[in-house]
Amino acid sequence: MPLINLVIVLIVVGVLLWLVNTYIPMDRKIKNILNVVVVIVVVIWLLQAFGVLGSLDNIRIGR
């Protein structure tokens, strides 16, 4: 994946998160949970994009 695509995705995710935090009225705890979840998902996605984290297709939950 080209670097410019990564930068564009990060900018779009950041702007969307800012818009949600600014303009959608929610409880502070829910906003914090949303922010943490988005950051964790983006970090995992970046680790996969750079090849640091292997493919998550092999992970199975349960039997």
PDB file of N, CA and C in Angstrom:
ATOM      1  N   MET A   1       0.857  -1.175   0.000  1.00  0.00           N
ATOM      2  CA  MET A   1       0.000   0.000   0.000  1.00  0.00           C
ATOM      3  C   MET A   1       0.901   1.235   0.000  1.00  0.00           C
ATOM      4  N   PRO A   2       0.682   2.124  -0.943  1.00  0.00           N
ATOM      5  CA  PRO A   2       1.519   3.331  -1.006  1.00  0.00           C
ATOM      6  C   PRO A   2       1.374   4.215   0.238  1.00  0.00           C
ATOM      7  N   LEU A   3       2.433   4.926   0.520  1.00  0.00           N
ATOM      8  CA  LEU A   3       2.457   5.772   1.714  1.00  0.00           C
ATOM      9  C   LEU A   3       1.409   6.865   1.660  1.00  0.00           C
ATOM     10  N   ILE A   4       1.140   7.390   0.485  1.00  0.00           N
ATOM     11  CA  ILE A   4       0.138   8.465   0.367  1.00  0.00           C
ATOM     12  C   ILE A   4      -1.245   7.964   0.761  1.00  0.00           C
ATOM     13  N   ASN A   5      -1.556   6.703   0.435  1.00  0.00           N
ATOM     14  CA  ASN A   5      -2.846   6.136   0.847  1.00  0.00           C
ATOM     15  C   ASN A   5      -2.947   6.028   2.360  1.00  0.00           C
ATOM     16  N   LEU A   6      -1.852   5.632   2.999  1.00  0.00           N
ATOM     17  CA  LEU A   6      -1.846   5.550   4.461  1.00  0.00           C
ATOM     18  C   LEU A   6      -2.097   6.918   5.090  1.00  0.00           C
ATOM     19  N   VAL A   7      -1.441   7.923   4.551  1.00  0.00           N
ATOM     20  CA  VAL A   7      -1.593   9.279   5.087  1.00  0.00           C
ATOM     21  C   VAL A   7      -3.026   9.765   4.882  1.00  0.00           C
ATOM     22  N   ILE A   8      -3.588   9.508   3.719  1.00  0.00           N
ATOM     23  CA  ILE A   8      -4.960   9.949   3.448  1.00  0.00           C
ATOM     24  C   ILE A   8      -5.943   9.258   4.386  1.00  0.00           C
ATOM     25  N   VAL A   9      -5.770   7.956   4.591  1.00  0.00           N
ATOM     26  CA  VAL A   9      -6.664   7.227   5.502  1.00  0.00           C
ATOM     27  C   VAL A   9      -6.537   7.764   6.921  1.00  0.00           C
ATOM     28  N   LEU A  10      -5.328   8.030   7.363  1.00  0.00           N
ATOM     29  CA  LEU A  10      -5.138   8.574   8.717  1.00  0.00           C
ATOM     30  C   LEU A  10      -5.789   9.946   8.863  1.00  0.00           C
ATOM     31  N   ILE A  11      -5.677  10.774   7.832  1.00  0.00           N
ATOM     32  CA  ILE A  11      -6.303  12.097   7.883  1.00  0.00           C
ATOM     33  C   ILE A  11      -7.822  11.969   7.920  1.00  0.00           C
ATOM     34  N   VAL A  12      -8.378  11.097   7.090  1.00  0.00           N
ATOM     35  CA  VAL A  12      -9.832  10.916   7.058  1.00  0.00           C
ATOM     36  C   VAL A  12     -10.339  10.385   8.388  1.00  0.00           C
ATOM     37  N   VAL A  13      -9.666   9.396   8.951  1.00  0.00           N
ATOM     38  CA  VAL A  13     -10.079   8.849  10.255  1.00  0.00           C
ATOM     39  C   VAL A  13      -9.979   9.912  11.335  1.00  0.00           C
ATOM     40  N   GLY A  14      -8.916  10.693  11.311  1.00  0.00           N
ATOM     41  CA  GLY A  14      -8.756  11.755  12.300  1.00  0.00           C
ATOM     42  C   GLY A  14      -9.836  12.815  12.201  1.00  0.00           C
ATOM     43  N   VAL A  15     -10.162  13.222  10.982  1.00  0.00           N
ATOM     44  CA  VAL A  15     -11.207  14.237  10.793  1.00  0.00           C
ATOM     45  C   VAL A  15     -12.565  13.691  11.225  1.00  0.00           C
ATOM     46  N   LEU A  16     -12.867  12.440  10.849  1.00  0.00           N
ATOM     47  CA  LEU A  16     -14.137  11.848  11.267  1.00  0.00           C
ATOM     48  C   LEU A  16     -14.241  11.733  12.783  1.00  0.00           C
ATOM     49  N   LEU A  17     -13.165  11.331  13.422  1.00  0.00           N
ATOM     50  CA  LEU A  17     -13.178  11.234  14.884  1.00  0.00           C
ATOM     51  C   LEU A  17     -13.341  12.606  15.515  1.00  0.00           C
ATOM     52  N   TRP A  18     -12.690  13.615  14.956  1.00  0.00           N
ATOM     53  CA  TRP A  18     -12.843  14.970  15.469  1.00  0.00           C
ATOM     54  C   TRP A  18     -14.281  15.457  15.302  1.00  0.00           C
ATOM     55  N   LEU A  19     -14.875  15.183  14.136  1.00  0.00           N
ATOM     56  CA  LEU A  19     -16.258  15.601  13.903  1.00  0.00           C
ATOM     57  C   LEU A  19     -17.210  14.928  14.883  1.00  0.00           C
ATOM     58  N   VAL A  20     -17.015  13.642  15.119  1.00  0.00           N
ATOM     59  CA  VAL A  20     -17.867  12.931  16.079  1.00  0.00           C
ATOM     60  C   VAL A  20     -17.692  13.517  17.474  1.00  0.00           C
ATOM     61  N   ASN A  21     -16.452  13.758  17.866  1.00  0.00           N
ATOM     62  CA  ASN A  21     -16.190  14.298  19.207  1.00  0.00           C
ATOM     63  C   ASN A  21     -16.726  15.716  19.367  1.00  0.00           C
ATOM     64  N   THR A  22     -16.729  16.491  18.301  1.00  0.00           N
ATOM     65  CA  THR A  22     -17.130  17.890  18.387  1.00  0.00           C
ATOM     66  C   THR A  22     -18.633  18.094  18.260  1.00  0.00           C
ATOM     67  N   TYR A  23     -19.247  17.406  17.305  1.00  0.00           N
ATOM     68  CA  TYR A  23     -20.618  17.755  16.949  1.00  0.00           C
ATOM     69  C   TYR A  23     -21.693  16.759  17.376  1.00  0.00           C
ATOM     70  N   ILE A  24     -21.326  15.586  17.820  1.00  0.00           N
ATOM     71  CA  ILE A  24     -22.331  14.619  18.261  1.00  0.00           C
ATOM     72  C   ILE A  24     -22.352  14.601  19.781  1.00  0.00           C
ATOM     73  N   PRO A  25     -23.481  14.961  20.364  1.00  0.00           N
ATOM     74  CA  PRO A  25     -23.545  14.983  21.826  1.00  0.00           C
ATOM     75  C   PRO A  25     -23.610  13.564  22.395  1.00  0.00           C
ATOM     76  N   MET A  26     -22.601  13.237  23.179  1.00  0.00           N
ATOM     77  CA  MET A  26     -22.524  11.931  23.828  1.00  0.00           C
ATOM     78  C   MET A  26     -21.940  12.126  25.213  1.00  0.00           C
ATOM     79  N   ASP A  27     -22.150  11.133  26.033  1.00  0.00           N
ATOM     80  CA  ASP A  27     -21.533  11.136  27.351  1.00  0.00           C
ATOM     81  C   ASP A  27     -20.010  11.054  27.193  1.00  0.00           C
ATOM     82  N   ARG A  28     -19.291  11.665  28.106  1.00  0.00           N
ATOM     83  CA  ARG A  28     -17.833  11.713  28.033  1.00  0.00           C
ATOM     84  C   ARG A  28     -17.219  10.309  28.045  1.00  0.00           C
ATOM     85  N   LYS A  29     -17.816   9.403  28.835  1.00  0.00           N
ATOM     86  CA  LYS A  29     -17.280   8.039  28.911  1.00  0.00           C
ATOM     87  C   LYS A  29     -17.415   7.318  27.579  1.00  0.00           C
ATOM     88  N   ILE A  30     -18.538   7.516  26.897  1.00  0.00           N
ATOM     89  CA  ILE A  30     -18.745   6.874  25.599  1.00  0.00           C
ATOM     90  C   ILE A  30     -17.761   7.425  24.574  1.00  0.00           C
ATOM     91  N   LYS A  31     -17.510   8.727  24.599  1.00  0.00           N
ATOM     92  CA  LYS A  31     -16.537   9.323  23.681  1.00  0.00           C
ATOM     93  C   LYS A  31     -15.141   8.767  23.933  1.00  0.00           C
ATOM     94  N   ASN A  32     -14.782   8.609  25.212  1.00  0.00           N
ATOM     95  CA  ASN A  32     -13.469   8.058  25.528  1.00  0.00           C
ATOM     96  C   ASN A  32     -13.337   6.623  25.031  1.00  0.00           C
ATOM     97  N   ILE A  33     -14.380   5.826  25.214  1.00  0.00           N
ATOM     98  CA  ILE A  33     -14.351   4.444  24.740  1.00  0.00           C
ATOM     99  C   ILE A  33     -14.236   4.423  23.213  1.00  0.00           C
ATOM    100  N   LEU A  34     -15.001   5.274  22.535  1.00  0.00           N
ATOM    101  CA  LEU A  34     -14.934   5.360  21.080  1.00  0.00           C
ATOM    102  C   LEU A  34     -13.534   5.749  20.611  1.00  0.00           C
ATOM    103  N   ASN A  35     -12.939   6.725  21.259  1.00  0.00           N
ATOM    104  CA  ASN A  35     -11.592   7.161  20.894  1.00  0.00           C
ATOM    105  C   ASN A  35     -10.574   6.038  21.071  1.00  0.00           C
ATOM    106  N   VAL A  36     -10.659   5.321  22.182  1.00  0.00           N
ATOM    107  CA  VAL A  36      -9.719   4.233  22.441  1.00  0.00           C
ATOM    108  C   VAL A  36      -9.882   3.127  21.407  1.00  0.00           C
ATOM    109  N   VAL A  37     -11.118   2.771  21.099  1.00  0.00           N
ATOM    110  CA  VAL A  37     -11.363   1.709  20.114  1.00  0.00           C
ATOM    111  C   VAL A  37     -10.826   2.115  18.743  1.00  0.00           C
ATOM    112  N   VAL A  38     -11.079   3.349  18.331  1.00  0.00           N
ATOM    113  CA  VAL A  38     -10.593   3.807  17.024  1.00  0.00           C
ATOM    114  C   VAL A  38      -9.069   3.812  16.989  1.00  0.00           C
ATOM    115  N   VAL A  39      -8.429   4.268  18.040  1.00  0.00           N
ATOM    116  CA  VAL A  39      -6.963   4.296  18.076  1.00  0.00           C
ATOM    117  C   VAL A  39      -6.399   2.876  18.022  1.00  0.00           C
ATOM    118  N   ILE A  40      -6.970   1.952  18.755  1.00  0.00           N
ATOM    119  CA  ILE A  40      -6.489   0.564  18.744  1.00  0.00           C
ATOM    120  C   ILE A  40      -6.656  -0.048  17.353  1.00  0.00           C
ATOM    121  N   VAL A  41      -7.810   0.167  16.730  1.00  0.00           N
ATOM    122  CA  VAL A  41      -8.042  -0.374  15.386  1.00  0.00           C
ATOM    123  C   VAL A  41      -7.064   0.221  14.383  1.00  0.00           C
ATOM    124  N   VAL A  42      -6.808   1.517  14.459  1.00  0.00           N
ATOM    125  CA  VAL A  42      -5.881   2.159  13.525  1.00  0.00           C
ATOM    126  C   VAL A  42      -4.455   1.662  13.749  1.00  0.00           C
ATOM    127  N   VAL A  43      -4.050   1.478  14.988  1.00  0.00           N
ATOM    128  CA  VAL A  43      -2.698   0.975  15.274  1.00  0.00           C
ATOM    129  C   VAL A  43      -2.540  -0.444  14.733  1.00  0.00           C
ATOM    130  N   ILE A  44      -3.524  -1.306  14.948  1.00  0.00           N
ATOM    131  CA  ILE A  44      -3.455  -2.670  14.424  1.00  0.00           C
ATOM    132  C   ILE A  44      -3.410  -2.653  12.900  1.00  0.00           C
ATOM    133  N   TRP A  45      -4.221  -1.795  12.284  1.00  0.00           N
ATOM    134  CA  TRP A  45      -4.226  -1.681  10.831  1.00  0.00           C
ATOM    135  C   TRP A  45      -2.865  -1.214  10.303  1.00  0.00           C
ATOM    136  N   LEU A  46      -2.266  -0.232  10.982  1.00  0.00           N
ATOM    137  CA  LEU A  46      -0.948   0.253  10.562  1.00  0.00           C
ATOM    138  C   LEU A  46       0.119  -0.825  10.721  1.00  0.00           C
ATOM    139  N   LEU A  47       0.066  -1.575  11.816  1.00  0.00           N
ATOM    140  CA  LEU A  47       1.030  -2.656  12.004  1.00  0.00           C
ATOM    141  C   LEU A  47       0.896  -3.708  10.907  1.00  0.00           C
ATOM    142  N   GLN A  48      -0.316  -3.997  10.502  1.00  0.00           N
ATOM    143  CA  GLN A  48      -0.520  -4.931   9.396  1.00  0.00           C
ATOM    144  C   GLN A  48      -0.031  -4.342   8.072  1.00  0.00           C
ATOM    145  N   ALA A  49      -0.295  -3.059   7.866  1.00  0.00           N
ATOM    146  CA  ALA A  49       0.086  -2.412   6.604  1.00  0.00           C
ATOM    147  C   ALA A  49       1.602  -2.394   6.433  1.00  0.00           C
ATOM    148  N   PHE A  50       2.343  -2.234   7.530  1.00  0.00           N
ATOM    149  CA  PHE A  50       3.796  -2.207   7.453  1.00  0.00           C
ATOM    150  C   PHE A  50       4.423  -3.590   7.602  1.00  0.00           C
ATOM    151  N   GLY A  51       3.600  -4.602   7.806  1.00  0.00           N
ATOM    152  CA  GLY A  51       4.110  -5.963   7.879  1.00  0.00           C
ATOM    153  C   GLY A  51       4.690  -6.353   9.219  1.00  0.00           C
ATOM    154  N   VAL A  52       4.536  -5.521  10.220  1.00  0.00           N
ATOM    155  CA  VAL A  52       5.043  -5.850  11.547  1.00  0.00           C
ATOM    156  C   VAL A  52       4.179  -6.929  12.183  1.00  0.00           C
ATOM    157  N   LEU A  53       2.905  -6.833  11.957  1.00  0.00           N
ATOM    158  CA  LEU A  53       1.956  -7.805  12.484  1.00  0.00           C
ATOM    159  C   LEU A  53       1.525  -8.697  11.327  1.00  0.00           C
ATOM    160  N   GLY A  54       1.588  -9.995  11.547  1.00  0.00           N
ATOM    161  CA  GLY A  54       1.203 -10.930  10.490  1.00  0.00           C
ATOM    162  C   GLY A  54      -0.279 -10.836  10.184  1.00  0.00           C
ATOM    163  N   SER A  55      -0.692 -11.597   9.244  1.00  0.00           N
ATOM    164  CA  SER A  55      -2.095 -11.611   8.855  1.00  0.00           C
ATOM    165  C   SER A  55      -2.961 -12.105   9.995  1.00  0.00           C
ATOM    166  N   LEU A  56      -4.061 -11.431  10.207  1.00  0.00           N
ATOM    167  CA  LEU A  56      -4.974 -11.823  11.284  1.00  0.00           C
ATOM    168  C   LEU A  56      -6.005 -12.838  10.806  1.00  0.00           C
ATOM    169  N   ASP A  57      -5.874 -13.324   9.564  1.00  0.00           N
ATOM    170  CA  ASP A  57      -6.817 -14.308   9.045  1.00  0.00           C
ATOM    171  C   ASP A  57      -6.679 -15.648   9.755  1.00  0.00           C
ATOM    172  N   ASN A  58      -5.494 -15.932  10.287  1.00  0.00           N
ATOM    173  CA  ASN A  58      -5.252 -17.231  10.919  1.00  0.00           C
ATOM    174  C   ASN A  58      -5.738 -17.304  12.356  1.00  0.00           C
ATOM    175  N   ILE A  59      -6.135 -16.188  12.927  1.00  0.00           N
ATOM    176  CA  ILE A  59      -6.580 -16.173  14.317  1.00  0.00           C
ATOM    177  C   ILE A  59      -8.007 -16.677  14.379  1.00  0.00           C
ATOM    178  N   ARG A  60      -8.214 -17.662  15.258  1.00  0.00           N
ATOM    179  CA  ARG A  60      -9.567 -18.203  15.438  1.00  0.00           C
ATOM    180  C   ARG A  60      -9.972 -18.014  16.887  1.00  0.00           C
ATOM    181  N   ILE A  61     -11.226 -17.676  17.079  1.00  0.00           N
ATOM    182  CA  ILE A  61     -11.768 -17.518  18.426  1.00  0.00           C
ATOM    183  C   ILE A  61     -12.660 -18.716  18.695  1.00  0.00           C
ATOM    184  N   GLY A  62     -12.417 -19.388  19.772  1.00  0.00           N
ATOM    185  CA  GLY A  62     -13.178 -20.586  20.085  1.00  0.00           C
ATOM    186  C   GLY A  62     -12.563 -21.806  19.455  1.00  0.00           C
ATOM    187  N   ARG A  63     -13.402 -22.788  19.135  1.00  0.00           N
ATOM    188  CA  ARG A  63     -12.878 -24.049  18.578  1.00  0.00           C
ATOM    189  C   ARG A  63     -12.680 -23.923  17.137  1.00  0.00           C
TER     190      ARG A  63
END
